[in-house]
Amino acid sequence: MATKEKWIDLFEKAVGRPPRVLEIEEGQKSDFDLKAIKGISAMGLD
């Protein structure tokens, strides 16, 4: 489990933009699992 700040930083590096609020909520549901970033970003949450 990563911290929220580390998860957001890696999300920005991996996806090229900051996470949206709903993406952060999904990240929290996964206990900020770094491996979940790509799947969460592909969900198209707006």
Protein backbone atom coordinates (compact mmCIF):
# COMPACT_ATOMS: atom_id res chain seq x y z
CA MET A 1 0.00 0.00 0.00
CA ALA A 2 1.34 3.39 -1.00
CA THR A 3 0.48 6.71 0.51
CA LYS A 4 -2.11 8.84 -1.23
CA GLU A 5 0.57 11.38 -2.19
CA LYS A 6 2.88 8.75 -3.67
CA TRP A 7 -0.04 7.18 -5.55
CA ILE A 8 -1.06 10.55 -7.03
CA ASP A 9 2.55 11.30 -8.02
CA LEU A 10 2.93 7.96 -9.79
CA PHE A 11 -0.50 8.34 -11.42
CA GLU A 12 0.62 11.66 -12.93
CA LYS A 13 3.86 10.12 -14.21
CA ALA A 14 2.15 7.03 -15.64
CA VAL A 15 -0.92 8.68 -17.16
CA GLY A 16 0.39 12.16 -17.96
CA ARG A 17 -2.23 14.09 -16.01
CA PRO A 18 -3.42 14.42 -12.43
CA PRO A 19 -6.05 11.95 -11.29
CA ARG A 20 -9.68 13.05 -11.21
CA VAL A 21 -11.61 12.95 -7.94
CA LEU A 22 -13.37 9.70 -8.86
CA GLU A 23 -10.04 8.12 -9.80
CA ILE A 24 -8.62 9.05 -6.40
CA GLU A 25 -11.69 7.47 -4.78
CA GLU A 26 -11.08 4.27 -6.77
CA GLY A 27 -7.43 4.39 -5.73
CA GLN A 28 -8.50 4.62 -2.12
CA LYS A 29 -10.75 1.57 -2.56
CA SER A 30 -7.67 -0.36 -3.74
CA ASP A 31 -5.66 0.89 -0.72
CA PHE A 32 -3.67 3.02 -3.19
CA ASP A 33 -2.25 -0.06 -4.91
CA LEU A 34 0.27 1.21 -7.47
CA LYS A 35 -0.55 -1.71 -9.77
CA ALA A 36 -4.16 -0.51 -10.03
CA ILE A 37 -3.30 2.86 -11.60
CA LYS A 38 -3.50 1.79 -15.25
CA GLY A 39 -6.80 0.00 -14.74
CA ILE A 40 -8.31 2.94 -12.89
CA SER A 41 -7.20 5.43 -15.53
CA ALA A 42 -8.69 3.21 -18.26
CA MET A 43 -12.11 3.25 -16.58
CA GLY A 44 -12.86 6.68 -18.07
CA LEU A 45 -14.21 8.15 -14.85
CA ASP A 46 -15.31 11.77 -15.17
